[in-house]
């Protein structure tokens, strides 16, 4: 094997190791410790009383998984009553039905330690949402807002040991 081939192989192995490390640092289970404007966000979104009750039944738990073979991320947020699972591939657009019944086109973009996700409503009468999962050290800051609104919800989750 010539020196150029060895160099290319070494670079590929180094990139594979960095990629494995880069997604593994986000994986785990996180407990919510703080929430600001969460109820206001749910009102802004237009959730009915039953869905709001389910969303606020207990402090949510966030579970982050990554399936390397398919390159699919899973962000699962659960209270004692309900779970919301968001699965996506980075930079891939797909259609889904949200827990509150909206038909949306979802796109996720990763920018460093930030996962920026946008749910664009397919029906003009439904609302679109932007949210960001920001990973820092052992915590996740989750920010959500209805597009066109000034209400911003911010939740802080801490990684379980």
N, C-alpha and C. Protein backbone atom coordinates (compact mmCIF):
# COMPACT_ATOMS: atom_id res chain seq x y z
N UNK A 1 0.85 -1.17 0.00
CA UNK A 1 0.00 0.00 0.00
C UNK A 1 0.90 1.23 0.00
N UNK A 2 0.62 2.17 -0.90
CA UNK A 2 1.46 3.37 -0.96
C UNK A 2 1.10 4.32 0.18
N UNK A 3 1.94 5.34 0.36
CA UNK A 3 1.75 6.26 1.50
C UNK A 3 0.47 7.08 1.38
N UNK A 4 0.07 7.38 0.16
CA UNK A 4 -1.17 8.14 -0.01
C UNK A 4 -2.38 7.31 0.41
N UNK A 5 -2.41 6.04 0.04
CA UNK A 5 -3.51 5.15 0.43
C UNK A 5 -3.56 4.99 1.94
N UNK A 6 -2.41 4.88 2.58
CA UNK A 6 -2.37 4.77 4.04
C UNK A 6 -2.91 6.04 4.68
N UNK A 7 -2.54 7.19 4.13
CA UNK A 7 -3.01 8.46 4.66
C UNK A 7 -4.52 8.59 4.52
N UNK A 8 -5.07 8.20 3.38
CA UNK A 8 -6.51 8.25 3.16
C UNK A 8 -7.22 7.30 4.13
N UNK A 9 -6.70 6.10 4.31
CA UNK A 9 -7.28 5.13 5.23
C UNK A 9 -7.25 5.66 6.66
N UNK A 10 -6.14 6.28 7.05
CA UNK A 10 -6.01 6.86 8.39
C UNK A 10 -7.03 7.99 8.59
N UNK A 11 -7.17 8.85 7.60
CA UNK A 11 -8.13 9.95 7.69
C UNK A 11 -9.55 9.42 7.81
N UNK A 12 -9.88 8.37 7.04
CA UNK A 12 -11.22 7.78 7.11
C UNK A 12 -11.48 7.20 8.50
N UNK A 13 -10.49 6.50 9.05
CA UNK A 13 -10.65 5.92 10.40
C UNK A 13 -10.81 7.01 11.44
N UNK A 14 -10.04 8.09 11.32
CA UNK A 14 -10.13 9.20 12.26
C UNK A 14 -11.51 9.86 12.17
N UNK A 15 -12.01 10.06 10.97
CA UNK A 15 -13.34 10.64 10.77
C UNK A 15 -14.42 9.74 11.36
N UNK A 16 -14.28 8.42 11.18
CA UNK A 16 -15.26 7.47 11.73
C UNK A 16 -15.27 7.53 13.25
N UNK A 17 -14.11 7.64 13.86
CA UNK A 17 -14.03 7.73 15.32
C UNK A 17 -14.66 9.03 15.79
N UNK A 18 -14.36 10.15 15.12
CA UNK A 18 -14.93 11.44 15.51
C UNK A 18 -16.44 11.44 15.36
N UNK A 19 -16.96 10.81 14.28
CA UNK A 19 -18.40 10.74 14.07
C UNK A 19 -19.05 9.94 15.19
N UNK A 20 -18.47 8.81 15.55
CA UNK A 20 -19.02 7.98 16.63
C UNK A 20 -19.03 8.76 17.94
N UNK A 21 -17.94 9.47 18.23
CA UNK A 21 -17.89 10.26 19.45
C UNK A 21 -18.89 11.40 19.39
N UNK A 22 -19.06 12.00 18.22
CA UNK A 22 -19.91 13.17 18.13
C UNK A 22 -21.37 12.84 18.42
N UNK A 23 -21.87 11.69 18.00
CA UNK A 23 -23.27 11.41 18.30
C UNK A 23 -23.43 10.80 19.69
N UNK A 24 -22.44 10.07 20.18
CA UNK A 24 -22.58 9.42 21.48
C UNK A 24 -22.64 10.40 22.64
N UNK A 25 -22.06 11.57 22.48
CA UNK A 25 -22.08 12.54 23.57
C UNK A 25 -23.48 13.08 23.84
N UNK A 26 -24.41 12.92 22.89
CA UNK A 26 -25.78 13.41 23.06
C UNK A 26 -26.72 12.36 23.63
N UNK A 27 -26.37 11.10 23.48
CA UNK A 27 -27.26 10.01 23.86
C UNK A 27 -27.47 9.95 25.36
N UNK A 28 -28.69 9.56 25.75
CA UNK A 28 -28.95 9.38 27.17
C UNK A 28 -30.34 9.83 27.56
N UNK A 29 -30.56 9.80 28.86
CA UNK A 29 -31.84 10.18 29.44
C UNK A 29 -31.64 11.45 30.26
N UNK A 30 -32.54 12.39 30.07
CA UNK A 30 -32.45 13.71 30.70
C UNK A 30 -33.76 14.01 31.43
N UNK A 31 -33.66 14.56 32.64
CA UNK A 31 -34.84 14.95 33.42
C UNK A 31 -35.00 16.47 33.38
N UNK A 32 -36.25 16.92 33.19
CA UNK A 32 -36.48 18.35 33.16
C UNK A 32 -36.37 18.93 34.57
N UNK A 33 -35.61 20.03 34.66
CA UNK A 33 -35.39 20.70 35.94
C UNK A 33 -36.01 22.09 35.99
N UNK A 34 -36.16 22.74 34.83
CA UNK A 34 -36.72 24.09 34.78
C UNK A 34 -37.57 24.23 33.53
N UNK A 35 -38.56 25.12 33.63
CA UNK A 35 -39.40 25.44 32.47
C UNK A 35 -39.86 26.88 32.58
N UNK A 36 -39.72 27.62 31.48
CA UNK A 36 -40.18 29.01 31.40
C UNK A 36 -41.14 29.13 30.23
N UNK A 37 -42.30 29.71 30.47
CA UNK A 37 -43.29 29.98 29.42
C UNK A 37 -43.83 28.71 28.73
N UNK A 38 -43.74 27.57 29.40
CA UNK A 38 -44.21 26.33 28.78
C UNK A 38 -45.73 26.34 28.58
N UNK A 39 -46.47 26.70 29.63
CA UNK A 39 -47.94 26.75 29.50
C UNK A 39 -48.37 27.79 28.48
N UNK A 40 -47.69 28.93 28.45
CA UNK A 40 -48.00 29.98 27.48
C UNK A 40 -47.77 29.47 26.05
N UNK A 41 -46.70 28.69 25.86
CA UNK A 41 -46.42 28.10 24.56
C UNK A 41 -47.54 27.14 24.16
N UNK A 42 -47.97 26.29 25.09
CA UNK A 42 -49.05 25.34 24.79
C UNK A 42 -50.34 26.06 24.44
N UNK A 43 -50.62 27.17 25.16
CA UNK A 43 -51.80 27.99 24.83
C UNK A 43 -51.66 28.60 23.45
N UNK A 44 -50.47 29.14 23.16
CA UNK A 44 -50.19 29.76 21.87
C UNK A 44 -50.37 28.76 20.72
N UNK A 45 -49.98 27.53 20.99
CA UNK A 45 -50.12 26.48 19.99
C UNK A 45 -51.59 26.11 19.78
N UNK A 46 -52.40 26.38 20.79
CA UNK A 46 -53.83 26.12 20.67
C UNK A 46 -54.24 24.73 21.14
N UNK A 47 -53.46 24.15 22.05
CA UNK A 47 -53.82 22.82 22.55
C UNK A 47 -55.09 22.86 23.39
N UNK A 48 -55.89 21.81 23.28
CA UNK A 48 -57.08 21.73 24.11
C UNK A 48 -56.70 21.32 25.53
N UNK A 49 -57.67 21.38 26.45
CA UNK A 49 -57.39 21.12 27.87
C UNK A 49 -56.83 19.72 28.11
N UNK A 50 -57.35 18.73 27.41
CA UNK A 50 -56.91 17.36 27.59
C UNK A 50 -55.43 17.19 27.20
N UNK A 51 -55.04 17.74 26.05
CA UNK A 51 -53.65 17.64 25.61
C UNK A 51 -52.72 18.43 26.53
N UNK A 52 -53.18 19.58 27.01
CA UNK A 52 -52.36 20.37 27.96
C UNK A 52 -52.18 19.61 29.26
N UNK A 53 -53.23 18.95 29.72
CA UNK A 53 -53.14 18.17 30.95
C UNK A 53 -52.13 17.03 30.79
N UNK A 54 -52.18 16.35 29.66
CA UNK A 54 -51.24 15.26 29.40
C UNK A 54 -49.80 15.78 29.32
N UNK A 55 -49.62 16.94 28.70
CA UNK A 55 -48.29 17.53 28.53
C UNK A 55 -47.70 18.03 29.85
N UNK A 56 -48.57 18.33 30.81
CA UNK A 56 -48.10 18.91 32.07
C UNK A 56 -48.35 17.98 33.26
N UNK A 57 -48.64 16.71 33.00
CA UNK A 57 -48.98 15.76 34.06
C UNK A 57 -47.83 15.53 35.03
N UNK A 58 -46.63 15.62 34.55
CA UNK A 58 -45.43 15.44 35.39
C UNK A 58 -44.27 16.08 34.65
N UNK A 59 -43.15 16.21 35.35
CA UNK A 59 -41.96 16.72 34.67
C UNK A 59 -41.55 15.72 33.60
N UNK A 60 -41.38 16.16 32.38
CA UNK A 60 -41.04 15.23 31.31
C UNK A 60 -39.61 14.70 31.42
N UNK A 61 -39.44 13.56 30.80
CA UNK A 61 -38.14 12.91 30.67
C UNK A 61 -37.83 12.87 29.18
N UNK A 62 -36.63 13.30 28.81
CA UNK A 62 -36.18 13.29 27.42
C UNK A 62 -35.18 12.16 27.23
N UNK A 63 -35.44 11.33 26.24
CA UNK A 63 -34.53 10.24 25.92
C UNK A 63 -34.03 10.44 24.50
N UNK A 64 -32.71 10.50 24.34
CA UNK A 64 -32.10 10.74 23.03
C UNK A 64 -31.38 9.48 22.57
N UNK A 65 -31.74 9.01 21.38
CA UNK A 65 -31.11 7.83 20.79
C UNK A 65 -30.69 8.14 19.35
N UNK A 66 -29.71 7.38 18.88
CA UNK A 66 -29.27 7.51 17.48
C UNK A 66 -29.03 6.11 16.96
N UNK A 67 -29.59 5.81 15.79
CA UNK A 67 -29.44 4.51 15.17
C UNK A 67 -28.45 4.68 14.01
N UNK A 68 -27.23 4.28 14.28
CA UNK A 68 -26.12 4.58 13.37
C UNK A 68 -26.33 3.99 11.98
N UNK A 69 -26.83 2.78 11.88
CA UNK A 69 -26.99 2.13 10.58
C UNK A 69 -27.94 2.91 9.66
N UNK A 70 -29.01 3.45 10.24
CA UNK A 70 -29.99 4.18 9.43
C UNK A 70 -29.82 5.70 9.51
N UNK A 71 -28.93 6.16 10.40
CA UNK A 71 -28.69 7.59 10.62
C UNK A 71 -29.95 8.33 11.10
N UNK A 72 -30.75 7.63 11.90
CA UNK A 72 -32.00 8.20 12.42
C UNK A 72 -31.83 8.57 13.89
N UNK A 73 -32.20 9.80 14.19
CA UNK A 73 -32.24 10.30 15.56
C UNK A 73 -33.63 10.08 16.12
N UNK A 74 -33.70 9.84 17.42
CA UNK A 74 -34.98 9.73 18.12
C UNK A 74 -34.91 10.57 19.39
N UNK A 75 -35.79 11.55 19.50
CA UNK A 75 -35.92 12.38 20.70
C UNK A 75 -37.31 12.07 21.26
N UNK A 76 -37.33 11.34 22.37
CA UNK A 76 -38.59 10.89 22.97
C UNK A 76 -38.79 11.63 24.28
N UNK A 77 -39.90 12.37 24.37
CA UNK A 77 -40.22 13.11 25.58
C UNK A 77 -41.49 12.53 26.17
N UNK A 78 -41.41 12.10 27.45
CA UNK A 78 -42.55 11.45 28.09
C UNK A 78 -42.90 12.10 29.42
N UNK A 79 -44.20 12.20 29.67
CA UNK A 79 -44.72 12.50 31.00
C UNK A 79 -45.34 11.19 31.50
N UNK A 80 -45.99 11.23 32.65
CA UNK A 80 -46.64 10.02 33.17
C UNK A 80 -47.81 9.58 32.30
N UNK A 81 -48.36 10.49 31.51
CA UNK A 81 -49.56 10.18 30.72
C UNK A 81 -49.27 9.94 29.25
N UNK A 82 -48.32 10.66 28.68
CA UNK A 82 -48.14 10.59 27.23
C UNK A 82 -46.67 10.70 26.84
N UNK A 83 -46.37 10.24 25.63
CA UNK A 83 -45.03 10.36 25.06
C UNK A 83 -45.14 11.01 23.68
N UNK A 84 -44.16 11.80 23.36
CA UNK A 84 -44.05 12.38 22.04
C UNK A 84 -42.69 11.95 21.48
N UNK A 85 -42.70 11.26 20.36
CA UNK A 85 -41.46 10.77 19.76
C UNK A 85 -41.22 11.52 18.46
N UNK A 86 -40.06 12.12 18.37
CA UNK A 86 -39.65 12.81 17.16
C UNK A 86 -38.47 12.04 16.58
N UNK A 87 -38.67 11.43 15.42
CA UNK A 87 -37.59 10.71 14.75
C UNK A 87 -37.29 11.42 13.45
N UNK A 88 -36.01 11.52 13.14
CA UNK A 88 -35.62 12.27 11.95
C UNK A 88 -34.21 11.92 11.51
N UNK A 89 -33.94 12.24 10.25
CA UNK A 89 -32.59 12.23 9.69
C UNK A 89 -32.21 13.68 9.47
N UNK A 90 -30.98 13.99 9.74
CA UNK A 90 -30.49 15.35 9.56
C UNK A 90 -30.60 15.74 8.08
N UNK A 91 -31.09 16.95 7.84
CA UNK A 91 -31.21 17.53 6.50
C UNK A 91 -32.18 16.79 5.58
N UNK A 92 -33.10 16.02 6.15
CA UNK A 92 -34.08 15.32 5.34
C UNK A 92 -35.48 15.78 5.73
N UNK A 93 -36.26 16.15 4.74
CA UNK A 93 -37.61 16.63 4.98
C UNK A 93 -38.57 15.44 4.93
N UNK A 94 -39.54 15.42 5.84
CA UNK A 94 -40.54 14.37 5.82
C UNK A 94 -41.85 14.90 6.41
N UNK A 95 -42.92 14.21 6.11
CA UNK A 95 -44.24 14.59 6.61
C UNK A 95 -44.59 13.71 7.80
N UNK A 96 -45.28 14.33 8.78
CA UNK A 96 -45.74 13.57 9.93
C UNK A 96 -46.97 14.23 10.53
N UNK A 97 -47.66 13.49 11.36
CA UNK A 97 -48.83 13.99 12.09
C UNK A 97 -48.39 14.17 13.54
N UNK A 98 -48.60 15.36 14.08
CA UNK A 98 -48.19 15.65 15.45
C UNK A 98 -49.24 15.13 16.44
N UNK A 99 -48.87 15.10 17.72
CA UNK A 99 -49.79 14.64 18.77
C UNK A 99 -51.09 15.43 18.80
N UNK A 100 -51.00 16.72 18.44
CA UNK A 100 -52.20 17.57 18.46
C UNK A 100 -52.95 17.53 17.13
N UNK A 101 -52.55 16.64 16.22
CA UNK A 101 -53.30 16.42 14.99
C UNK A 101 -52.88 17.25 13.79
N UNK A 102 -51.87 18.10 13.94
CA UNK A 102 -51.43 18.90 12.79
C UNK A 102 -50.63 18.04 11.82
N UNK A 103 -50.90 18.21 10.53
CA UNK A 103 -50.08 17.59 9.49
C UNK A 103 -48.96 18.58 9.18
N UNK A 104 -47.70 18.14 9.32
CA UNK A 104 -46.57 19.04 9.14
C UNK A 104 -45.50 18.42 8.28
N UNK A 105 -44.68 19.29 7.73
CA UNK A 105 -43.45 18.88 7.07
C UNK A 105 -42.32 19.25 8.02
N UNK A 106 -41.55 18.25 8.42
CA UNK A 106 -40.51 18.44 9.42
C UNK A 106 -39.13 18.39 8.79
N UNK A 107 -38.28 19.31 9.20
CA UNK A 107 -36.89 19.34 8.76
C UNK A 107 -36.01 19.55 9.98
N UNK A 108 -34.92 18.79 10.07
CA UNK A 108 -33.98 18.93 11.18
C UNK A 108 -32.60 19.23 10.61
N UNK A 109 -31.94 20.21 11.21
CA UNK A 109 -30.59 20.60 10.81
C UNK A 109 -29.73 20.59 12.06
N UNK A 110 -28.56 19.99 11.96
CA UNK A 110 -27.63 20.01 13.09
C UNK A 110 -26.56 21.06 12.81
N UNK A 111 -26.36 21.93 13.79
CA UNK A 111 -25.33 22.95 13.70
C UNK A 111 -24.52 22.87 14.99
N UNK A 112 -23.42 22.13 14.95
CA UNK A 112 -22.64 21.91 16.15
C UNK A 112 -23.46 21.13 17.17
N UNK A 113 -23.62 21.70 18.36
CA UNK A 113 -24.38 21.05 19.44
C UNK A 113 -25.85 21.43 19.44
N UNK A 114 -26.31 22.05 18.37
CA UNK A 114 -27.71 22.48 18.25
C UNK A 114 -28.43 21.64 17.19
N UNK A 115 -29.61 21.16 17.56
CA UNK A 115 -30.49 20.49 16.61
C UNK A 115 -31.65 21.44 16.39
N UNK A 116 -31.73 22.05 15.21
CA UNK A 116 -32.78 23.01 14.86
C UNK A 116 -33.85 22.27 14.06
N UNK A 117 -35.06 22.27 14.59
CA UNK A 117 -36.13 21.51 13.97
C UNK A 117 -37.29 22.45 13.67
N UNK A 118 -37.81 22.33 12.46
CA UNK A 118 -38.95 23.16 12.07
C UNK A 118 -40.07 22.26 11.58
N UNK A 119 -41.25 22.49 12.13
CA UNK A 119 -42.46 21.80 11.69
C UNK A 119 -43.33 22.81 10.98
N UNK A 120 -43.37 22.73 9.65
CA UNK A 120 -44.20 23.64 8.86
C UNK A 120 -45.56 22.99 8.65
N UNK A 121 -46.61 23.68 9.08
CA UNK A 121 -47.97 23.18 8.92
C UNK A 121 -48.32 23.08 7.44
N UNK A 122 -48.95 21.99 7.08
CA UNK A 122 -49.38 21.81 5.69
C UNK A 122 -50.65 22.63 5.44
N UNK A 123 -51.58 22.64 6.41
CA UNK A 123 -52.79 23.45 6.29
C UNK A 123 -52.49 24.87 6.75
N UNK A 124 -52.98 25.83 6.01
CA UNK A 124 -52.76 27.24 6.36
C UNK A 124 -53.37 27.62 7.70
N UNK A 125 -54.40 26.90 8.12
CA UNK A 125 -55.07 27.22 9.38
C UNK A 125 -54.34 26.66 10.60
N UNK A 126 -53.40 25.75 10.38
CA UNK A 126 -52.62 25.18 11.48
C UNK A 126 -51.38 26.02 11.74
N UNK A 127 -50.78 25.82 12.90
CA UNK A 127 -49.60 26.59 13.28
C UNK A 127 -48.32 25.81 13.01
N UNK A 128 -47.28 26.55 12.69
CA UNK A 128 -45.94 25.98 12.48
C UNK A 128 -45.09 26.28 13.70
N UNK A 129 -44.13 25.41 13.96
CA UNK A 129 -43.30 25.52 15.16
C UNK A 129 -41.82 25.40 14.79
N UNK A 130 -41.01 26.12 15.55
CA UNK A 130 -39.55 25.96 15.49
C UNK A 130 -39.11 25.54 16.88
N UNK A 131 -38.23 24.56 16.96
CA UNK A 131 -37.62 24.27 18.24
C UNK A 131 -36.17 23.89 18.09
N UNK A 132 -35.44 24.09 19.18
CA UNK A 132 -34.00 23.84 19.20
C UNK A 132 -33.67 23.02 20.43
N UNK A 133 -32.89 21.97 20.21
CA UNK A 133 -32.30 21.21 21.31
C UNK A 133 -30.83 21.60 21.33
N UNK A 134 -30.40 22.24 22.40
CA UNK A 134 -29.00 22.66 22.53
C UNK A 134 -28.35 21.82 23.62
N UNK A 135 -27.33 21.07 23.24
CA UNK A 135 -26.62 20.20 24.17
C UNK A 135 -25.37 20.92 24.68
N UNK A 136 -25.25 21.00 26.02
CA UNK A 136 -24.02 21.53 26.60
C UNK A 136 -23.71 20.76 27.87
N UNK A 137 -22.52 20.19 27.87
CA UNK A 137 -22.06 19.36 29.00
C UNK A 137 -23.10 18.28 29.30
N UNK A 138 -23.69 18.31 30.48
CA UNK A 138 -24.63 17.27 30.86
C UNK A 138 -26.09 17.75 30.81
N UNK A 139 -26.35 18.76 30.00
CA UNK A 139 -27.71 19.28 29.95
C UNK A 139 -28.17 19.56 28.51
N UNK A 140 -29.50 19.66 28.40
CA UNK A 140 -30.13 20.04 27.13
C UNK A 140 -31.03 21.22 27.42
N UNK A 141 -30.87 22.28 26.64
CA UNK A 141 -31.80 23.41 26.71
C UNK A 141 -32.70 23.28 25.49
N UNK A 142 -33.99 23.14 25.75
CA UNK A 142 -34.98 22.96 24.70
C UNK A 142 -35.78 24.25 24.58
N UNK A 143 -35.73 24.87 23.40
CA UNK A 143 -36.45 26.11 23.15
C UNK A 143 -37.49 25.84 22.07
N UNK A 144 -38.72 26.36 22.29
CA UNK A 144 -39.80 26.14 21.32
C UNK A 144 -40.60 27.42 21.15
N UNK A 145 -41.07 27.64 19.92
CA UNK A 145 -41.94 28.78 19.66
C UNK A 145 -42.81 28.52 18.45
N UNK A 146 -44.00 29.08 18.50
CA UNK A 146 -44.88 29.06 17.33
C UNK A 146 -44.34 30.14 16.39
N UNK A 147 -44.14 29.79 15.12
CA UNK A 147 -43.61 30.75 14.15
C UNK A 147 -44.57 31.93 14.02
N UNK A 148 -44.03 33.12 14.16
CA UNK A 148 -44.83 34.33 14.10
C UNK A 148 -45.26 34.84 15.46
N UNK A 149 -44.93 34.11 16.51
CA UNK A 149 -45.31 34.50 17.87
C UNK A 149 -44.08 35.03 18.61
N UNK A 150 -44.32 35.77 19.65
CA UNK A 150 -43.22 36.27 20.48
C UNK A 150 -43.01 35.43 21.72
N UNK A 151 -43.89 34.45 21.95
CA UNK A 151 -43.77 33.60 23.13
C UNK A 151 -42.72 32.52 22.87
N UNK A 152 -41.73 32.46 23.75
CA UNK A 152 -40.66 31.48 23.63
C UNK A 152 -40.64 30.64 24.90
N UNK A 153 -40.77 29.34 24.73
CA UNK A 153 -40.70 28.41 25.85
C UNK A 153 -39.27 27.88 25.95
N UNK A 154 -38.78 27.81 27.17
CA UNK A 154 -37.43 27.28 27.37
C UNK A 154 -37.47 26.28 28.52
N UNK A 155 -36.96 25.08 28.25
CA UNK A 155 -36.90 24.04 29.26
C UNK A 155 -35.46 23.57 29.38
N UNK A 156 -35.06 23.25 30.61
CA UNK A 156 -33.70 22.77 30.84
C UNK A 156 -33.78 21.36 31.41
N UNK A 157 -33.07 20.46 30.75
CA UNK A 157 -33.03 19.05 31.16
C UNK A 157 -31.60 18.71 31.60
N UNK A 158 -31.46 17.92 32.66
CA UNK A 158 -30.16 17.43 33.13
C UNK A 158 -30.04 15.94 32.87
N UNK A 159 -28.85 15.54 32.43
CA UNK A 159 -28.59 14.13 32.16
C UNK A 159 -28.61 13.33 33.45
N UNK A 160 -29.22 12.15 33.39
CA UNK A 160 -29.18 11.24 34.53
C UNK A 160 -27.79 10.62 34.61
N UNK A 161 -27.38 10.29 35.81
CA UNK A 161 -26.07 9.64 36.00
C UNK A 161 -26.10 8.20 35.57
